[in-house]
Amino acid sequence: MHTPPDRLARLFVAIAAASGFIAVAAGAFGAHALKARLTPDLLAIFETGVRYQMFHVVGLLAAAWAAERWHGRAANAAGWCFVAGTLVFSGSLYALALTGVRALGAVTPVGGVLFLVGWLLLGRAVWRGR
């Protein structure tokens, strides 16, 4: 099934808005509720998840813009890489920080690779302009 470029761009912006909301709420939660409950290293892990989630809100907004402007597969794939990367990277860091289960950190690099691929695809979409 093919999603029209304007619908996909709107979907990416909606996901980015929700992700931004969650990142701000998680940051506030970490700064206030978790500060006294987590060890400094676990709190730093949680904060890394928040920071990368917010960075990739911007990436997802850029992918939405590129997907609408150039209607290419690279921009669409970049957006989905940012969505999946956020879920895997930030999600695994949140889970690790909240549970203390260090094995969850083994999943985090997969999210990081998704972020890297997303940025490469976004660059390709913009460079090719189609």
C-alpha atoms as a PDB file:
ATOM      1  CA  MET A   1       0.000   0.000   0.000  1.00  0.00           C
ATOM      2  CA  HIS A   2       1.346   3.382  -1.015  1.00  0.00           C
ATOM      3  CA  THR A   3       0.810   6.346   1.307  1.00  0.00           C
ATOM      4  CA  PRO A   4       0.486   9.719  -0.468  1.00  0.00           C
ATOM      5  CA  PRO A   5       3.449  12.032   0.326  1.00  0.00           C
ATOM      6  CA  ASP A   6       1.328  14.665   2.076  1.00  0.00           C
ATOM      7  CA  ARG A   7      -0.282  12.056   4.345  1.00  0.00           C
ATOM      8  CA  LEU A   8       3.073  10.523   5.185  1.00  0.00           C
ATOM      9  CA  ALA A   9       4.529  13.959   5.934  1.00  0.00           C
ATOM     10  CA  ARG A  10       1.579  14.736   8.236  1.00  0.00           C
ATOM     11  CA  LEU A  11       2.005  11.358   9.940  1.00  0.00           C
ATOM     12  CA  PHE A  12       5.714  12.034  10.517  1.00  0.00           C
ATOM     13  CA  VAL A  13       4.942  15.489  11.972  1.00  0.00           C
ATOM     14  CA  ALA A  14       2.266  14.001  14.239  1.00  0.00           C
ATOM     15  CA  ILE A  15       4.665  11.299  15.449  1.00  0.00           C
ATOM     16  CA  ALA A  16       7.373  13.955  15.957  1.00  0.00           C
ATOM     17  CA  ALA A  17       4.972  16.078  18.017  1.00  0.00           C
ATOM     18  CA  ALA A  18       4.022  13.104  20.189  1.00  0.00           C
ATOM     19  CA  SER A  19       7.673  12.107  20.551  1.00  0.00           C
ATOM     20  CA  GLY A  20       8.632  15.665  21.507  1.00  0.00           C
ATOM     21  CA  PHE A  21       5.885  15.717  24.130  1.00  0.00           C
ATOM     22  CA  ILE A  22       7.086  12.397  25.531  1.00  0.00           C
ATOM     23  CA  ALA A  23      10.715  13.573  25.555  1.00  0.00           C
ATOM     24  CA  VAL A  24       9.871  16.743  27.480  1.00  0.00           C
ATOM     25  CA  ALA A  25       7.684  14.797  29.926  1.00  0.00           C
ATOM     26  CA  ALA A  26      10.384  12.136  30.381  1.00  0.00           C
ATOM     27  CA  GLY A  27      13.018  14.821  30.919  1.00  0.00           C
ATOM     28  CA  ALA A  28      10.913  16.479  33.610  1.00  0.00           C
ATOM     29  CA  PHE A  29      10.147  13.102  35.165  1.00  0.00           C
ATOM     30  CA  GLY A  30      13.844  12.265  35.220  1.00  0.00           C
ATOM     31  CA  ALA A  31      14.856  15.620  36.661  1.00  0.00           C
ATOM     32  CA  HIS A  32      12.244  15.595  39.413  1.00  0.00           C
ATOM     33  CA  ALA A  33      10.887  12.138  40.211  1.00  0.00           C
ATOM     34  CA  LEU A  34      13.840   9.952  39.298  1.00  0.00           C
ATOM     35  CA  LYS A  35      16.693  12.096  40.582  1.00  0.00           C
ATOM     36  CA  ALA A  36      16.271  10.792  44.120  1.00  0.00           C
ATOM     37  CA  ARG A  37      15.453   7.221  43.056  1.00  0.00           C
ATOM     38  CA  LEU A  38      18.141   6.356  40.497  1.00  0.00           C
ATOM     39  CA  THR A  39      21.868   6.131  40.886  1.00  0.00           C
ATOM     40  CA  PRO A  40      23.769   8.865  39.027  1.00  0.00           C
ATOM     41  CA  ASP A  41      24.872   6.437  36.289  1.00  0.00           C
ATOM     42  CA  LEU A  42      21.314   5.200  35.675  1.00  0.00           C
ATOM     43  CA  LEU A  43      19.999   8.762  35.670  1.00  0.00           C
ATOM     44  CA  ALA A  44      22.644   9.678  33.070  1.00  0.00           C
ATOM     45  CA  ILE A  45      21.488   6.746  30.936  1.00  0.00           C
ATOM     46  CA  PHE A  46      17.884   7.917  31.204  1.00  0.00           C
ATOM     47  CA  GLU A  47      18.921  11.469  30.253  1.00  0.00           C
ATOM     48  CA  THR A  48      20.807  10.149  27.221  1.00  0.00           C
ATOM     49  CA  GLY A  49      17.588   8.493  26.045  1.00  0.00           C
ATOM     50  CA  VAL A  50      15.710  11.785  26.445  1.00  0.00           C
ATOM     51  CA  ARG A  51      18.400  13.776  24.622  1.00  0.00           C
ATOM     52  CA  TYR A  52      18.560  11.437  21.635  1.00  0.00           C
ATOM     53  CA  GLN A  53      14.781  11.237  21.448  1.00  0.00           C
ATOM     54  CA  MET A  54      14.574  15.025  21.195  1.00  0.00           C
ATOM     55  CA  PHE A  55      17.388  15.202  18.619  1.00  0.00           C
ATOM     56  CA  HIS A  56      15.489  12.773  16.450  1.00  0.00           C
ATOM     57  CA  VAL A  57      12.253  14.716  16.731  1.00  0.00           C
ATOM     58  CA  VAL A  58      14.119  17.306  14.651  1.00  0.00           C
ATOM     59  CA  GLY A  59      15.324  14.597  12.267  1.00  0.00           C
ATOM     60  CA  LEU A  60      11.783  13.294  11.852  1.00  0.00           C
ATOM     61  CA  LEU A  61      10.498  16.805  11.108  1.00  0.00           C
ATOM     62  CA  ALA A  62      13.218  17.156   8.463  1.00  0.00           C
ATOM     63  CA  ALA A  63      12.239  13.790   6.979  1.00  0.00           C
ATOM     64  CA  ALA A  64       8.598  14.933   6.850  1.00  0.00           C
ATOM     65  CA  TRP A  65       9.644  18.062   4.990  1.00  0.00           C
ATOM     66  CA  ALA A  66      11.799  16.067   2.558  1.00  0.00           C
ATOM     67  CA  ALA A  67       9.091  13.432   2.022  1.00  0.00           C
ATOM     68  CA  GLU A  68       6.558  16.086   1.068  1.00  0.00           C
ATOM     69  CA  ARG A  69       8.941  18.133  -1.038  1.00  0.00           C
ATOM     70  CA  TRP A  70      10.617  15.354  -3.036  1.00  0.00           C
ATOM     71  CA  HIS A  71       8.293  12.351  -2.692  1.00  0.00           C
ATOM     72  CA  GLY A  72      11.164   9.888  -2.628  1.00  0.00           C
ATOM     73  CA  ARG A  73      11.676   6.554  -0.945  1.00  0.00           C
ATOM     74  CA  ALA A  74      14.859   7.756   0.780  1.00  0.00           C
ATOM     75  CA  ALA A  75      13.035  10.459   2.751  1.00  0.00           C
ATOM     76  CA  ASN A  76      10.257   8.039   3.681  1.00  0.00           C
ATOM     77  CA  ALA A  77      12.758   5.433   4.834  1.00  0.00           C
ATOM     78  CA  ALA A  78      14.685   8.089   6.788  1.00  0.00           C
ATOM     79  CA  GLY A  79      11.534   8.998   8.693  1.00  0.00           C
ATOM     80  CA  TRP A  80      10.786   5.385   9.574  1.00  0.00           C
ATOM     81  CA  CYS A  81      14.419   4.865  10.633  1.00  0.00           C
ATOM     82  CA  PHE A  82      14.087   7.812  13.022  1.00  0.00           C
ATOM     83  CA  VAL A  83      10.830   6.424  14.439  1.00  0.00           C
ATOM     84  CA  ALA A  84      12.227   2.919  14.883  1.00  0.00           C
ATOM     85  CA  GLY A  85      15.553   4.248  16.156  1.00  0.00           C
ATOM     86  CA  THR A  86      13.804   6.287  18.820  1.00  0.00           C
ATOM     87  CA  LEU A  87      11.771   3.318  19.973  1.00  0.00           C
ATOM     88  CA  VAL A  88      14.780   1.010  20.115  1.00  0.00           C
ATOM     89  CA  PHE A  89      17.528   3.397  21.260  1.00  0.00           C
ATOM     90  CA  SER A  90      15.671   5.619  23.707  1.00  0.00           C
ATOM     91  CA  GLY A  91      13.235   2.900  24.704  1.00  0.00           C
ATOM     92  CA  SER A  92      16.012   0.500  25.648  1.00  0.00           C
ATOM     93  CA  LEU A  93      17.810   3.205  27.639  1.00  0.00           C
ATOM     94  CA  TYR A  94      14.616   4.108  29.498  1.00  0.00           C
ATOM     95  CA  ALA A  95      13.982   0.452  30.286  1.00  0.00           C
ATOM     96  CA  LEU A  96      17.590  -0.084  31.374  1.00  0.00           C
ATOM     97  CA  ALA A  97      17.539   2.968  33.656  1.00  0.00           C
ATOM     98  CA  LEU A  98      14.188   2.106  35.225  1.00  0.00           C
ATOM     99  CA  THR A  99      14.855  -1.596  35.746  1.00  0.00           C
ATOM    100  CA  GLY A 100      18.616  -1.688  36.186  1.00  0.00           C
ATOM    101  CA  VAL A 101      18.788  -4.668  33.820  1.00  0.00           C
ATOM    102  CA  ARG A 102      22.080  -3.985  32.032  1.00  0.00           C
ATOM    103  CA  ALA A 103      21.386  -6.605  29.351  1.00  0.00           C
ATOM    104  CA  LEU A 104      18.883  -4.177  27.822  1.00  0.00           C
ATOM    105  CA  GLY A 105      21.846  -2.067  26.772  1.00  0.00           C
ATOM    106  CA  ALA A 106      22.719  -4.712  24.189  1.00  0.00           C
ATOM    107  CA  VAL A 107      19.731  -3.572  22.106  1.00  0.00           C
ATOM    108  CA  THR A 108      20.653   0.125  22.183  1.00  0.00           C
ATOM    109  CA  PRO A 109      23.251   0.013  19.365  1.00  0.00           C
ATOM    110  CA  VAL A 110      20.587  -1.289  16.966  1.00  0.00           C
ATOM    111  CA  GLY A 111      18.697   1.952  17.551  1.00  0.00           C
ATOM    112  CA  GLY A 112      21.902   3.901  17.043  1.00  0.00           C
ATOM    113  CA  VAL A 113      22.445   2.219  13.676  1.00  0.00           C
ATOM    114  CA  LEU A 114      18.869   3.079  12.695  1.00  0.00           C
ATOM    115  CA  PHE A 115      19.600   6.716  13.552  1.00  0.00           C
ATOM    116  CA  LEU A 116      22.763   6.690  11.447  1.00  0.00           C
ATOM    117  CA  VAL A 117      20.966   5.096   8.490  1.00  0.00           C
ATOM    118  CA  GLY A 118      18.163   7.632   8.859  1.00  0.00           C
ATOM    119  CA  TRP A 119      20.577  10.554   8.652  1.00  0.00           C
ATOM    120  CA  LEU A 120      22.311   9.045   5.611  1.00  0.00           C
ATOM    121  CA  LEU A 121      18.983   8.480   3.881  1.00  0.00           C
ATOM    122  CA  LEU A 122      17.828  12.001   4.684  1.00  0.00           C
ATOM    123  CA  GLY A 123      21.038  13.391   3.209  1.00  0.00           C
ATOM    124  CA  ARG A 124      20.536  11.265   0.116  1.00  0.00           C
ATOM    125  CA  ALA A 125      16.943  12.426  -0.277  1.00  0.00           C
ATOM    126  CA  VAL A 126      17.945  16.061  -0.076  1.00  0.00           C
ATOM    127  CA  TRP A 127      20.998  15.662  -2.298  1.00  0.00           C
ATOM    128  CA  ARG A 128      19.083  13.884  -5.029  1.00  0.00           C
ATOM    129  CA  GLY A 129      16.062  16.133  -4.657  1.00  0.00           C
ATOM    130  CA  ARG A 130      13.595  13.591  -5.964  1.00  0.00           C
END
